[in-house]
Amino acid sequence: MFDKQPTVYIGIVAYNSLADLPDCLRCLSNQTYSRLTITLLDNASSDGAIAWVQTNWPQVYVIANDYNAGFGSGHNRIIDQLNIGPEDCYLALNPDVRLQPDYVAQMVNGLFAAGAAWGTGQLFLPDGERLYSIGHALLKGGYAFNIGHGLAAAQVNTDSREVFGAPGAAMMCRGSLIQTLMARDGEFFDTQMFLYGEDVDLDWRARRAGFRCWYVAEAVAYHRGSTPSSKLRDEALINRFTMTIKNACLLDLVLYNLPWIAIHCIARLFFTPRRGWRIIRELAKRRITICNQRRQSSYGLCPIIHQWFVWSEQQSATTPRTITDRLRAFYQVHFMRSNP
């Protein structure tokens, strides 16, 4: 399958994550895969995580940011300091993820056997009964969801297979993908995005570059996740609009995406004016960067991306997916309850 066992570089971006790091690092120390290096980037935490890691895990290389740069920028900085070859792998790992001992080995074997460039394992919620994700699905409007989220494994097709993309919680990428995207875009994750959506943006860009994503059922992990604040929910929405404008095919963008974004922003202005203006201002600030990103990208795979939109509509999850479901959820959150 490969002539030389790849080195797997594991990158953890942490922010006040001391409560999670002991279990996360313990799981890494129990991995059956031997060629591992671990780097932890701390985003100016105040919980003493750096001192604890340096005392208890001296084999972990620590990078200390003097400000909170977010998820994507943190991983970009880690990648910049590593010498990742085209046949090596990078595992972007959240501190609140617990890996089964063979997760890394199964992911490496699964990706190389499938000829895929990036992927994820079978991620469960902490109860071990319900799924967190077995990959990303993406709808035409730029709305992405975790396949199987909230469902029991028996309710979903959990066989290993190709999926549109992979969540950043425990995503493994081959070095060839990293090198290609960095050469084309100048960075791996889009640094405009502080938190949320940067993994979906990566999915979209990697797909348009012709790479494949694989879900490896034999690689099992557990992910708690978090409930975002109002500000971070706005960030997630802004990032969704950003990646849609920069990645969508031109015809879709003009006839479908931009009208829906405009309608959404108008609705926000009506129901939650402060948050609506916040979203509009941030998109206006990003407009030049987004236009430049569109100009330097290729859009020759639009028919293939459209096939993935159709495929995504058939995937199961408890999260709202149709426009009707999402409008109903929007109404319940912003009309039935008061908002700041």
C-alpha atoms as a PDB file:
ATOM      1  CA  MET A   1       0.000   0.000   0.000  1.00  0.00           C
ATOM      2  CA  PHE A   2       2.939   2.315   0.725  1.00  0.00           C
ATOM      3  CA  ASP A   3       6.670   1.755   0.461  1.00  0.00           C
ATOM      4  CA  LYS A   4       7.502   3.569   3.694  1.00  0.00           C
ATOM      5  CA  GLN A   5       5.206   4.003   6.675  1.00  0.00           C
ATOM      6  CA  PRO A   6       4.073   7.644   6.600  1.00  0.00           C
ATOM      7  CA  THR A   7       4.792   9.939   9.501  1.00  0.00           C
ATOM      8  CA  VAL A   8       1.590  11.229  11.050  1.00  0.00           C
ATOM      9  CA  TYR A   9       1.871  14.758  12.395  1.00  0.00           C
ATOM     10  CA  ILE A  10      -0.817  15.474  14.977  1.00  0.00           C
ATOM     11  CA  GLY A  11      -1.801  19.095  15.540  1.00  0.00           C
ATOM     12  CA  ILE A  12      -3.940  20.207  18.498  1.00  0.00           C
ATOM     13  CA  VAL A  13      -5.190  23.782  18.737  1.00  0.00           C
ATOM     14  CA  ALA A  14      -6.224  24.536  22.318  1.00  0.00           C
ATOM     15  CA  TYR A  15      -7.912  27.386  24.138  1.00  0.00           C
ATOM     16  CA  ASN A  16      -8.499  26.932  27.867  1.00  0.00           C
ATOM     17  CA  SER A  17      -8.557  23.201  27.223  1.00  0.00           C
ATOM     18  CA  LEU A  18      -6.707  21.918  30.285  1.00  0.00           C
ATOM     19  CA  ALA A  19      -9.709  19.891  31.424  1.00  0.00           C
ATOM     20  CA  ASP A  20      -9.669  17.945  28.139  1.00  0.00           C
ATOM     21  CA  LEU A  21      -5.968  17.588  27.439  1.00  0.00           C
ATOM     22  CA  PRO A  22      -5.114  14.760  29.898  1.00  0.00           C
ATOM     23  CA  ASP A  23      -7.570  12.317  28.282  1.00  0.00           C
ATOM     24  CA  CYS A  24      -6.761  13.539  24.760  1.00  0.00           C
ATOM     25  CA  LEU A  25      -3.004  13.033  25.203  1.00  0.00           C
ATOM     26  CA  ARG A  26      -3.477   9.739  27.025  1.00  0.00           C
ATOM     27  CA  CYS A  27      -5.417   8.429  24.018  1.00  0.00           C
ATOM     28  CA  LEU A  28      -2.606   9.563  21.725  1.00  0.00           C
ATOM     29  CA  SER A  29      -0.023   7.789  23.863  1.00  0.00           C
ATOM     30  CA  ASN A  30      -2.039   4.557  23.476  1.00  0.00           C
ATOM     31  CA  GLN A  31      -2.082   4.647  19.662  1.00  0.00           C
ATOM     32  CA  THR A  32      -0.853   1.493  17.961  1.00  0.00           C
ATOM     33  CA  TYR A  33       0.670   3.560  15.145  1.00  0.00           C
ATOM     34  CA  SER A  34       4.329   4.262  15.931  1.00  0.00           C
ATOM     35  CA  ARG A  35       5.412   7.113  13.624  1.00  0.00           C
ATOM     36  CA  LEU A  36       3.733  10.013  15.429  1.00  0.00           C
ATOM     37  CA  THR A  37       4.764  13.541  16.314  1.00  0.00           C
ATOM     38  CA  ILE A  38       2.486  15.773  18.383  1.00  0.00           C
ATOM     39  CA  THR A  39       2.339  19.566  18.336  1.00  0.00           C
ATOM     40  CA  LEU A  40       0.061  21.608  20.563  1.00  0.00           C
ATOM     41  CA  LEU A  41      -0.650  25.254  19.789  1.00  0.00           C
ATOM     42  CA  ASP A  42      -2.149  27.169  22.693  1.00  0.00           C
ATOM     43  CA  ASN A  43      -4.214  30.250  21.836  1.00  0.00           C
ATOM     44  CA  ALA A  44      -3.282  32.425  24.837  1.00  0.00           C
ATOM     45  CA  SER A  45      -5.126  30.298  27.404  1.00  0.00           C
ATOM     46  CA  SER A  46      -5.417  31.386  31.020  1.00  0.00           C
ATOM     47  CA  ASP A  47      -5.794  27.909  32.540  1.00  0.00           C
ATOM     48  CA  GLY A  48      -2.125  26.935  32.795  1.00  0.00           C
ATOM     49  CA  ALA A  49      -2.328  24.373  29.989  1.00  0.00           C
ATOM     50  CA  ILE A  50       1.130  25.151  28.588  1.00  0.00           C
ATOM     51  CA  ALA A  51       2.893  24.622  31.917  1.00  0.00           C
ATOM     52  CA  TRP A  52       0.949  21.413  32.527  1.00  0.00           C
ATOM     53  CA  VAL A  53       1.801  19.957  29.116  1.00  0.00           C
ATOM     54  CA  GLN A  54       5.473  20.912  29.400  1.00  0.00           C
ATOM     55  CA  THR A  55       5.667  19.235  32.821  1.00  0.00           C
ATOM     56  CA  ASN A  56       3.662  16.101  32.090  1.00  0.00           C
ATOM     57  CA  TRP A  57       4.156  15.600  28.331  1.00  0.00           C
ATOM     58  CA  PRO A  58       7.653  16.887  27.471  1.00  0.00           C
ATOM     59  CA  GLN A  59       7.561  14.930  24.193  1.00  0.00           C
ATOM     60  CA  VAL A  60       4.810  17.244  22.917  1.00  0.00           C
ATOM     61  CA  TYR A  61       6.120  20.289  21.043  1.00  0.00           C
ATOM     62  CA  VAL A  62       4.300  23.400  22.302  1.00  0.00           C
ATOM     63  CA  ILE A  63       3.679  26.630  20.394  1.00  0.00           C
ATOM     64  CA  ALA A  64       2.389  29.538  22.481  1.00  0.00           C
ATOM     65  CA  ASN A  65       0.307  32.164  20.704  1.00  0.00           C
ATOM     66  CA  ASP A  66       0.108  35.545  22.411  1.00  0.00           C
ATOM     67  CA  TYR A  67      -3.503  35.964  21.246  1.00  0.00           C
ATOM     68  CA  ASN A  68      -6.430  33.719  20.315  1.00  0.00           C
ATOM     69  CA  ALA A  69      -5.978  33.165  16.575  1.00  0.00           C
ATOM     70  CA  GLY A  70      -8.792  30.623  16.244  1.00  0.00           C
ATOM     71  CA  PHE A  71      -8.896  27.114  14.783  1.00  0.00           C
ATOM     72  CA  GLY A  72      -7.767  27.506  11.176  1.00  0.00           C
ATOM     73  CA  SER A  73      -4.996  30.022  11.781  1.00  0.00           C
ATOM     74  CA  GLY A  74      -3.724  27.856  14.630  1.00  0.00           C
ATOM     75  CA  HIS A  75      -3.452  24.771  12.435  1.00  0.00           C
ATOM     76  CA  ASN A  76      -1.875  26.812   9.650  1.00  0.00           C
ATOM     77  CA  ARG A  77       0.855  27.931  12.038  1.00  0.00           C
ATOM     78  CA  ILE A  78       1.488  24.358  13.148  1.00  0.00           C
ATOM     79  CA  ILE A  79       1.687  23.145   9.536  1.00  0.00           C
ATOM     80  CA  ASP A  80       4.083  25.965   8.634  1.00  0.00           C
ATOM     81  CA  GLN A  81       6.539  24.683  11.258  1.00  0.00           C
ATOM     82  CA  LEU A  82       6.397  21.051  10.167  1.00  0.00           C
ATOM     83  CA  ASN A  83       8.150  19.313   7.309  1.00  0.00           C
ATOM     84  CA  ILE A  84       5.186  17.359   5.974  1.00  0.00           C
ATOM     85  CA  GLY A  85       6.066  15.346   2.888  1.00  0.00           C
ATOM     86  CA  PRO A  86       3.534  14.438   0.183  1.00  0.00           C
ATOM     87  CA  GLU A  87       3.172  10.891   1.544  1.00  0.00           C
ATOM     88  CA  ASP A  88       2.945  11.948   5.190  1.00  0.00           C
ATOM     89  CA  CYS A  89      -0.309  12.769   6.995  1.00  0.00           C
ATOM     90  CA  TYR A  90      -1.582  15.522   9.251  1.00  0.00           C
ATOM     91  CA  LEU A  91      -4.267  14.827  11.863  1.00  0.00           C
ATOM     92  CA  ALA A  92      -6.109  17.953  12.983  1.00  0.00           C
ATOM     93  CA  LEU A  93      -7.396  16.977  16.416  1.00  0.00           C
ATOM     94  CA  ASN A  94      -9.685  18.823  18.816  1.00  0.00           C
ATOM     95  CA  PRO A  95      -8.725  18.590  22.508  1.00  0.00           C
ATOM     96  CA  ASP A  96     -12.161  17.189  23.418  1.00  0.00           C
ATOM     97  CA  VAL A  97     -11.783  14.159  21.120  1.00  0.00           C
ATOM     98  CA  ARG A  98     -10.961  10.721  22.513  1.00  0.00           C
ATOM     99  CA  LEU A  99      -9.395   8.347  19.991  1.00  0.00           C
ATOM    100  CA  GLN A 100      -9.621   4.576  20.123  1.00  0.00           C
ATOM    101  CA  PRO A 101      -6.090   3.043  20.178  1.00  0.00           C
ATOM    102  CA  ASP A 102      -6.117   2.111  16.471  1.00  0.00           C
ATOM    103  CA  TYR A 103      -7.704   5.333  15.159  1.00  0.00           C
ATOM    104  CA  VAL A 104      -4.532   6.667  13.525  1.00  0.00           C
ATOM    105  CA  ALA A 105      -3.546   3.293  12.059  1.00  0.00           C
ATOM    106  CA  GLN A 106      -7.017   2.690  10.636  1.00  0.00           C
ATOM    107  CA  MET A 107      -7.174   6.188   9.138  1.00  0.00           C
ATOM    108  CA  VAL A 108      -3.789   5.843   7.423  1.00  0.00           C
ATOM    109  CA  ASN A 109      -4.661   2.411   6.031  1.00  0.00           C
ATOM    110  CA  GLY A 110      -8.129   3.538   4.957  1.00  0.00           C
ATOM    111  CA  LEU A 111      -7.007   6.699   3.155  1.00  0.00           C
ATOM    112  CA  PHE A 112      -4.163   5.033   1.282  1.00  0.00           C
ATOM    113  CA  ALA A 113      -6.242   1.977   0.331  1.00  0.00           C
ATOM    114  CA  ALA A 114      -9.014   4.207  -1.056  1.00  0.00           C
ATOM    115  CA  GLY A 115      -6.653   6.617  -2.794  1.00  0.00           C
ATOM    116  CA  ALA A 116      -8.282   9.462  -0.848  1.00  0.00           C
ATOM    117  CA  ALA A 117      -6.614  12.692   0.237  1.00  0.00           C
ATOM    118  CA  TRP A 118      -8.461  13.410   3.456  1.00  0.00           C
ATOM    119  CA  GLY A 119     -11.096  11.883   5.666  1.00  0.00           C
ATOM    120  CA  THR A 120     -12.595  11.096   9.040  1.00  0.00           C
ATOM    121  CA  GLY A 121     -13.426   8.138  11.189  1.00  0.00           C
ATOM    122  CA  GLN A 122     -16.668   7.183  12.908  1.00  0.00           C
ATOM    123  CA  LEU A 123     -17.130   9.901  15.514  1.00  0.00           C
ATOM    124  CA  PHE A 124     -19.578   9.292  18.347  1.00  0.00           C
ATOM    125  CA  LEU A 125     -21.038  11.653  20.896  1.00  0.00           C
ATOM    126  CA  PRO A 126     -19.724  11.001  24.437  1.00  0.00           C
ATOM    127  CA  ASP A 127     -22.576   8.602  25.258  1.00  0.00           C
ATOM    128  CA  GLY A 128     -21.112   6.172  22.733  1.00  0.00           C
ATOM    129  CA  GLU A 129     -24.590   5.455  21.373  1.00  0.00           C
ATOM    130  CA  ARG A 130     -25.322   8.369  19.054  1.00  0.00           C
ATOM    131  CA  LEU A 131     -23.173   9.568  16.200  1.00  0.00           C
ATOM    132  CA  TYR A 132     -21.487  12.931  16.036  1.00  0.00           C
ATOM    133  CA  SER A 133     -20.385  12.563  12.403  1.00  0.00           C
ATOM    134  CA  ILE A 134     -19.346  10.114   9.723  1.00  0.00           C
ATOM    135  CA  GLY A 135     -18.496  12.903   7.296  1.00  0.00           C
ATOM    136  CA  HIS A 136     -19.826  16.136   5.872  1.00  0.00           C
ATOM    137  CA  ALA A 137     -22.706  16.614   3.468  1.00  0.00           C
ATOM    138  CA  LEU A 138     -23.105  19.945   1.641  1.00  0.00           C
ATOM    139  CA  LEU A 139     -26.275  21.421   0.209  1.00  0.00           C
ATOM    140  CA  LYS A 140     -26.461  23.835  -2.716  1.00  0.00           C
ATOM    141  CA  GLY A 141     -26.955  26.869  -0.483  1.00  0.00           C
ATOM    142  CA  GLY A 142     -23.662  26.243   1.315  1.00  0.00           C
ATOM    143  CA  TYR A 143     -25.331  24.664   4.340  1.00  0.00           C
ATOM    144  CA  ALA A 144     -23.257  21.711   5.589  1.00  0.00           C
ATOM    145  CA  PHE A 145     -24.195  19.125   8.200  1.00  0.00           C
ATOM    146  CA  ASN A 146     -22.624  16.157   9.922  1.00  0.00           C
ATOM    147  CA  ILE A 147     -23.973  12.932   8.462  1.00  0.00           C
ATOM    148  CA  GLY A 148     -25.671  10.819  11.123  1.00  0.00           C
ATOM    149  CA  HIS A 149     -25.493  13.496  13.810  1.00  0.00           C
ATOM    150  CA  GLY A 150     -27.699  12.567  16.772  1.00  0.00           C
ATOM    151  CA  LEU A 151     -28.701   9.203  15.322  1.00  0.00           C
ATOM    152  CA  ALA A 152     -27.828   5.727  16.547  1.00  0.00           C
ATOM    153  CA  ALA A 153     -25.277   3.968  14.366  1.00  0.00           C
ATOM    154  CA  ALA A 154     -27.881   1.358  13.445  1.00  0.00           C
ATOM    155  CA  GLN A 155     -30.015   4.080  11.798  1.00  0.00           C
ATOM    156  CA  VAL A 156     -27.284   5.082   9.323  1.00  0.00           C
ATOM    157  CA  ASN A 157     -25.181   3.353   6.697  1.00  0.00           C
ATOM    158  CA  THR A 158     -21.891   3.159   8.597  1.00  0.00           C
ATOM    159  CA  ASP A 159     -19.920   1.200   5.995  1.00  0.00           C
ATOM    160  CA  SER A 160     -16.675   2.851   4.869  1.00  0.00           C
ATOM    161  CA  ARG A 161     -17.353   4.978   1.801  1.00  0.00           C
ATOM    162  CA  GLU A 162     -16.623   8.206   0.005  1.00  0.00           C
ATOM    163  CA  VAL A 163     -18.215  11.300   1.557  1.00  0.00           C
ATOM    164  CA  PHE A 164     -18.210  14.932   0.513  1.00  0.00           C
ATOM    165  CA  GLY A 165     -15.949  16.115   3.318  1.00  0.00           C
ATOM    166  CA  ALA A 166     -14.722  15.629   6.854  1.00  0.00           C
ATOM    167  CA  PRO A 167     -15.255  17.498  10.142  1.00  0.00           C
ATOM    168  CA  GLY A 168     -12.164  19.189  11.550  1.00  0.00           C
ATOM    169  CA  ALA A 169     -12.495  17.507  14.961  1.00  0.00           C
ATOM    170  CA  ALA A 170     -10.413  14.472  13.948  1.00  0.00           C
ATOM    171  CA  MET A 171      -9.669  15.015  10.264  1.00  0.00           C
ATOM    172  CA  MET A 172      -6.661  13.363   8.657  1.00  0.00           C
ATOM    173  CA  CYS A 173      -5.139  14.931   5.530  1.00  0.00           C
ATOM    174  CA  ARG A 174      -2.397  13.605   3.307  1.00  0.00           C
ATOM    175  CA  GLY A 175       0.580  15.820   2.649  1.00  0.00           C
ATOM    176  CA  SER A 176      -0.163  15.953  -1.079  1.00  0.00           C
ATOM    177  CA  LEU A 177      -3.464  17.727  -0.345  1.00  0.00           C
ATOM    178  CA  ILE A 178      -1.801  20.196   2.005  1.00  0.00           C
ATOM    179  CA  GLN A 179       0.924  21.039  -0.500  1.00  0.00           C
ATOM    180  CA  THR A 180      -1.528  21.473  -3.375  1.00  0.00           C
ATOM    181  CA  LEU A 181      -3.899  23.794  -1.534  1.00  0.00           C
ATOM    182  CA  MET A 182      -1.099  25.846  -0.003  1.00  0.00           C
ATOM    183  CA  ALA A 183       0.559  26.273  -3.396  1.00  0.00           C
ATOM    184  CA  ARG A 184      -2.731  27.361  -4.987  1.00  0.00           C
ATOM    185  CA  ASP A 185      -4.310  29.389  -2.174  1.00  0.00           C
ATOM    186  CA  GLY A 186      -1.309  30.423  -0.090  1.00  0.00           C
ATOM    187  CA  GLU A 187      -2.735  28.788   3.045  1.00  0.00           C
ATOM    188  CA  PHE A 188      -4.362  25.533   4.117  1.00  0.00           C
ATOM    189  CA  PHE A 189      -7.311  26.814   6.149  1.00  0.00           C
ATOM    190  CA  ASP A 190      -8.849  30.175   5.249  1.00  0.00           C
ATOM    191  CA  THR A 191      -7.592  32.595   7.914  1.00  0.00           C
ATOM    192  CA  GLN A 192     -10.626  34.849   7.455  1.00  0.00           C
ATOM    193  CA  MET A 193     -12.541  32.254   9.428  1.00  0.00           C
ATOM    194  CA  PHE A 194     -11.874  32.432  13.162  1.00  0.00           C
ATOM    195  CA  LEU A 195     -13.997  29.441  14.118  1.00  0.00           C
ATOM    196  CA  TYR A 196     -16.610  27.216  12.445  1.00  0.00           C
ATOM    197  CA  GLY A 197     -16.931  26.462   8.745  1.00  0.00           C
ATOM    198  CA  GLU A 198     -13.235  26.426   7.880  1.00  0.00           C
ATOM    199  CA  ASP A 199     -13.330  22.635   7.559  1.00  0.00           C
ATOM    200  CA  VAL A 200     -16.293  22.829   5.152  1.00  0.00           C
ATOM    201  CA  ASP A 201     -14.500  25.492   3.130  1.00  0.00           C
ATOM    202  CA  LEU A 202     -11.537  23.116   2.945  1.00  0.00           C
ATOM    203  CA  ASP A 203     -13.877  20.324   1.758  1.00  0.00           C
ATOM    204  CA  TRP A 204     -15.181  22.523  -1.047  1.00  0.00           C
ATOM    205  CA  ARG A 205     -11.728  23.687  -2.161  1.00  0.00           C
ATOM    206  CA  ALA A 206     -10.279  20.171  -2.041  1.00  0.00           C
ATOM    207  CA  ARG A 207     -13.189  18.794  -4.070  1.00  0.00           C
ATOM    208  CA  ARG A 208     -12.762  21.456  -6.724  1.00  0.00           C
ATOM    209  CA  ALA A 209      -9.070  20.554  -6.890  1.00  0.00           C
ATOM    210  CA  GLY A 210     -10.056  16.967  -7.750  1.00  0.00           C
ATOM    211  CA  PHE A 211      -9.307  15.224  -4.427  1.00  0.00           C
ATOM    212  CA  ARG A 212     -11.447  12.554  -2.754  1.00  0.00           C
ATOM    213  CA  CYS A 213     -12.596  12.296   0.876  1.00  0.00           C
ATOM    214  CA  TRP A 214     -13.078   8.985   2.662  1.00  0.00           C
ATOM    215  CA  TYR A 215     -14.986   7.919   5.763  1.00  0.00           C
ATOM    216  CA  VAL A 216     -13.165   5.064   7.558  1.00  0.00           C
ATOM    217  CA  ALA A 217     -15.665   3.093   9.639  1.00  0.00           C
ATOM    218  CA  GLU A 218     -12.981   1.128  11.511  1.00  0.00           C
ATOM    219  CA  ALA A 219     -11.469   4.323  12.970  1.00  0.00           C
ATOM    220  CA  VAL A 220     -13.570   5.191  16.039  1.00  0.00           C
ATOM    221  CA  ALA A 221     -13.454   8.268  18.258  1.00  0.00           C
ATOM    222  CA  TYR A 222     -15.668  10.229  20.644  1.00  0.00           C
ATOM    223  CA  HIS A 223     -16.288  13.967  20.402  1.00  0.00           C
ATOM    224  CA  ARG A 224     -18.129  16.126  22.908  1.00  0.00           C
ATOM    225  CA  GLY A 225     -18.469  19.285  20.839  1.00  0.00           C
ATOM    226  CA  SER A 226     -19.705  22.592  22.236  1.00  0.00           C
ATOM    227  CA  THR A 227     -22.624  24.994  22.153  1.00  0.00           C
ATOM    228  CA  PRO A 228     -21.569  28.237  20.453  1.00  0.00           C
ATOM    229  CA  SER A 229     -22.353  31.642  21.887  1.00  0.00           C
ATOM    230  CA  SER A 230     -24.506  34.150  20.004  1.00  0.00           C
ATOM    231  CA  LYS A 231     -21.349  35.812  18.659  1.00  0.00           C
ATOM    232  CA  LEU A 232     -19.907  32.510  17.444  1.00  0.00           C
ATOM    233  CA  ARG A 233     -23.215  31.562  15.799  1.00  0.00           C
ATOM    234  CA  ASP A 234     -22.935  34.797  13.842  1.00  0.00           C
ATOM    235  CA  GLU A 235     -19.336  33.880  12.999  1.00  0.00           C
ATOM    236  CA  ALA A 236     -20.491  30.492  11.708  1.00  0.00           C
ATOM    237  CA  LEU A 237     -23.131  32.129   9.507  1.00  0.00           C
ATOM    238  CA  ILE A 238     -20.694  34.725   8.163  1.00  0.00           C
ATOM    239  CA  ASN A 239     -18.224  31.951   7.375  1.00  0.00           C
ATOM    240  CA  ARG A 240     -20.921  29.960   5.568  1.00  0.00           C
ATOM    241  CA  PHE A 241     -21.756  32.943   3.390  1.00  0.00           C
ATOM    242  CA  THR A 242     -18.042  33.616   2.825  1.00  0.00           C
ATOM    243  CA  MET A 243     -17.227  30.106   1.637  1.00  0.00           C
ATOM    244  CA  THR A 244     -20.352  29.982  -0.527  1.00  0.00           C
ATOM    245  CA  ILE A 245     -19.521  33.223  -2.328  1.00  0.00           C
ATOM    246  CA  LYS A 246     -15.902  32.210  -2.900  1.00  0.00           C
ATOM    247  CA  ASN A 247     -16.545  28.572  -3.886  1.00  0.00           C
ATOM    248  CA  ALA A 248     -19.920  28.348  -5.637  1.00  0.00           C
ATOM    249  CA  CYS A 249     -20.126  28.022  -9.394  1.00  0.00           C
ATOM    250  CA  LEU A 250     -20.930  31.365 -11.010  1.00  0.00           C
ATOM    251  CA  LEU A 251     -24.402  30.421 -12.262  1.00  0.00           C
ATOM    252  CA  ASP A 252     -25.405  29.043  -8.854  1.00  0.00           C
ATOM    253  CA  LEU A 253     -23.942  32.096  -7.158  1.00  0.00           C
ATOM    254  CA  VAL A 254     -25.869  34.611  -9.267  1.00  0.00           C
ATOM    255  CA  LEU A 255     -29.204  32.807  -9.568  1.00  0.00           C
ATOM    256  CA  TYR A 256     -29.417  31.027  -6.225  1.00  0.00           C
ATOM    257  CA  ASN A 257     -26.797  31.767  -3.559  1.00  0.00           C
ATOM    258  CA  LEU A 258     -26.629  35.555  -3.611  1.00  0.00           C
ATOM    259  CA  PRO A 259     -30.443  35.972  -3.595  1.00  0.00           C
ATOM    260  CA  TRP A 260     -30.753  33.626  -0.603  1.00  0.00           C
ATOM    261  CA  ILE A 261     -27.949  35.403   1.241  1.00  0.00           C
ATOM    262  CA  ALA A 262     -29.675  38.731   0.598  1.00  0.00           C
ATOM    263  CA  ILE A 263     -33.015  37.369   1.837  1.00  0.00           C
ATOM    264  CA  HIS A 264     -31.356  35.941   4.937  1.00  0.00           C
ATOM    265  CA  CYS A 265     -29.624  39.230   5.754  1.00  0.00           C
ATOM    266  CA  ILE A 266     -32.881  41.173   5.299  1.00  0.00           C
ATOM    267  CA  ALA A 267     -34.664  38.720   7.627  1.00  0.00           C
ATOM    268  CA  ARG A 268     -31.897  39.159  10.174  1.00  0.00           C
ATOM    269  CA  LEU A 269     -32.256  42.940   9.993  1.00  0.00           C
ATOM    270  CA  PHE A 270     -35.976  42.591  10.678  1.00  0.00           C
ATOM    271  CA  PHE A 271     -35.840  40.066  13.540  1.00  0.00           C
ATOM    272  CA  THR A 272     -32.424  40.834  15.118  1.00  0.00           C
ATOM    273  CA  PRO A 273     -31.173  44.184  13.754  1.00  0.00           C
ATOM    274  CA  ARG A 274     -27.931  44.314  15.727  1.00  0.00           C
ATOM    275  CA  ARG A 275     -26.885  40.857  14.634  1.00  0.00           C
ATOM    276  CA  GLY A 276     -28.027  41.512  11.073  1.00  0.00           C
ATOM    277  CA  TRP A 277     -25.861  44.608  10.774  1.00  0.00           C
ATOM    278  CA  ARG A 278     -22.935  42.725  12.328  1.00  0.00           C
ATOM    279  CA  ILE A 279     -23.171  40.053   9.617  1.00  0.00           C
ATOM    280  CA  ILE A 280     -23.514  42.571   6.794  1.00  0.00           C
ATOM    281  CA  ARG A 281     -20.580  44.671   8.026  1.00  0.00           C
ATOM    282  CA  GLU A 282     -18.288  41.661   8.267  1.00  0.00           C
ATOM    283  CA  LEU A 283     -19.197  40.420   4.795  1.00  0.00           C
ATOM    284  CA  ALA A 284     -18.542  43.911   3.433  1.00  0.00           C
ATOM    285  CA  LYS A 285     -15.106  43.907   5.090  1.00  0.00           C
ATOM    286  CA  ARG A 286     -14.266  40.572   3.455  1.00  0.00           C
ATOM    287  CA  ARG A 287     -15.520  41.416  -0.046  1.00  0.00           C
ATOM    288  CA  ILE A 288     -12.137  42.227  -1.618  1.00  0.00           C
ATOM    289  CA  THR A 289     -10.459  39.125  -0.208  1.00  0.00           C
ATOM    290  CA  ILE A 290     -13.366  36.935  -1.335  1.00  0.00           C
ATOM    291  CA  CYS A 291     -13.234  38.356  -4.862  1.00  0.00           C
ATOM    292  CA  ASN A 292      -9.496  37.737  -5.051  1.00  0.00           C
ATOM    293  CA  GLN A 293      -9.995  34.159  -3.856  1.00  0.00           C
ATOM    294  CA  ARG A 294     -12.594  33.547  -6.570  1.00  0.00           C
ATOM    295  CA  ARG A 295     -10.302  34.913  -9.278  1.00  0.00           C
ATOM    296  CA  GLN A 296      -7.459  32.538  -8.427  1.00  0.00           C
ATOM    297  CA  SER A 297      -9.634  29.417  -8.206  1.00  0.00           C
ATOM    298  CA  SER A 298     -10.764  26.917 -10.834  1.00  0.00           C
ATOM    299  CA  TYR A 299     -14.468  26.084 -11.317  1.00  0.00           C
ATOM    300  CA  GLY A 300     -14.215  23.324 -13.895  1.00  0.00           C
ATOM    301  CA  LEU A 301     -15.776  20.642 -11.659  1.00  0.00           C
ATOM    302  CA  CYS A 302     -19.208  22.232 -11.204  1.00  0.00           C
ATOM    303  CA  PRO A 303     -21.166  19.191 -12.550  1.00  0.00           C
ATOM    304  CA  ILE A 304     -19.372  16.931 -10.057  1.00  0.00           C
ATOM    305  CA  ILE A 305     -20.100  19.312  -7.186  1.00  0.00           C
ATOM    306  CA  HIS A 306     -23.769  19.350  -8.229  1.00  0.00           C
ATOM    307  CA  GLN A 307     -23.815  15.557  -7.960  1.00  0.00           C
ATOM    308  CA  TRP A 308     -22.603  15.909  -4.372  1.00  0.00           C
ATOM    309  CA  PHE A 309     -25.437  18.338  -3.631  1.00  0.00           C
ATOM    310  CA  VAL A 310     -27.905  15.670  -4.763  1.00  0.00           C
ATOM    311  CA  TRP A 311     -26.076  13.011  -2.745  1.00  0.00           C
ATOM    312  CA  SER A 312     -26.114  15.217   0.355  1.00  0.00           C
ATOM    313  CA  GLU A 313     -29.899  15.596   0.235  1.00  0.00           C
ATOM    314  CA  GLN A 314     -30.166  11.834   0.751  1.00  0.00           C
ATOM    315  CA  GLN A 315     -28.023  11.739   3.915  1.00  0.00           C
ATOM    316  CA  SER A 316     -29.539  11.387   7.392  1.00  0.00           C
ATOM    317  CA  ALA A 317     -29.097  13.554  10.498  1.00  0.00           C
ATOM    318  CA  THR A 318     -31.203  15.081  13.248  1.00  0.00           C
ATOM    319  CA  THR A 319     -30.119  18.610  12.313  1.00  0.00           C
ATOM    320  CA  PRO A 320     -32.550  20.641  10.148  1.00  0.00           C
ATOM    321  CA  ARG A 321     -31.598  20.328   6.478  1.00  0.00           C
ATOM    322  CA  THR A 322     -34.404  21.491   4.206  1.00  0.00           C
ATOM    323  CA  ILE A 323     -35.087  25.195   3.737  1.00  0.00           C
ATOM    324  CA  THR A 324     -38.485  24.699   5.421  1.00  0.00           C
ATOM    325  CA  ASP A 325     -36.894  23.053   8.476  1.00  0.00           C
ATOM    326  CA  ARG A 326     -34.256  25.748   8.747  1.00  0.00           C
ATOM    327  CA  LEU A 327     -36.810  28.574   8.399  1.00  0.00           C
ATOM    328  CA  ARG A 328     -38.884  26.930  11.117  1.00  0.00           C
ATOM    329  CA  ALA A 329     -35.831  26.705  13.374  1.00  0.00           C
ATOM    330  CA  PHE A 330     -34.945  30.332  12.586  1.00  0.00           C
ATOM    331  CA  TYR A 331     -38.491  31.420  13.480  1.00  0.00           C
ATOM    332  CA  GLN A 332     -38.437  29.506  16.769  1.00  0.00           C
ATOM    333  CA  VAL A 333     -35.088  30.960  17.812  1.00  0.00           C
ATOM    334  CA  HIS A 334     -35.541  34.557  16.678  1.00  0.00           C
ATOM    335  CA  PHE A 335     -39.276  35.162  16.833  1.00  0.00           C
ATOM    336  CA  MET A 336     -40.613  32.983  19.640  1.00  0.00           C
ATOM    337  CA  ARG A 337     -37.882  34.114  22.046  1.00  0.00           C
ATOM    338  CA  SER A 338     -36.317  37.506  22.667  1.00  0.00           C
ATOM    339  CA  ASN A 339     -32.743  38.036  21.471  1.00  0.00           C
ATOM    340  CA  PRO A 340     -30.046  40.598  22.278  1.00  0.00           C
END
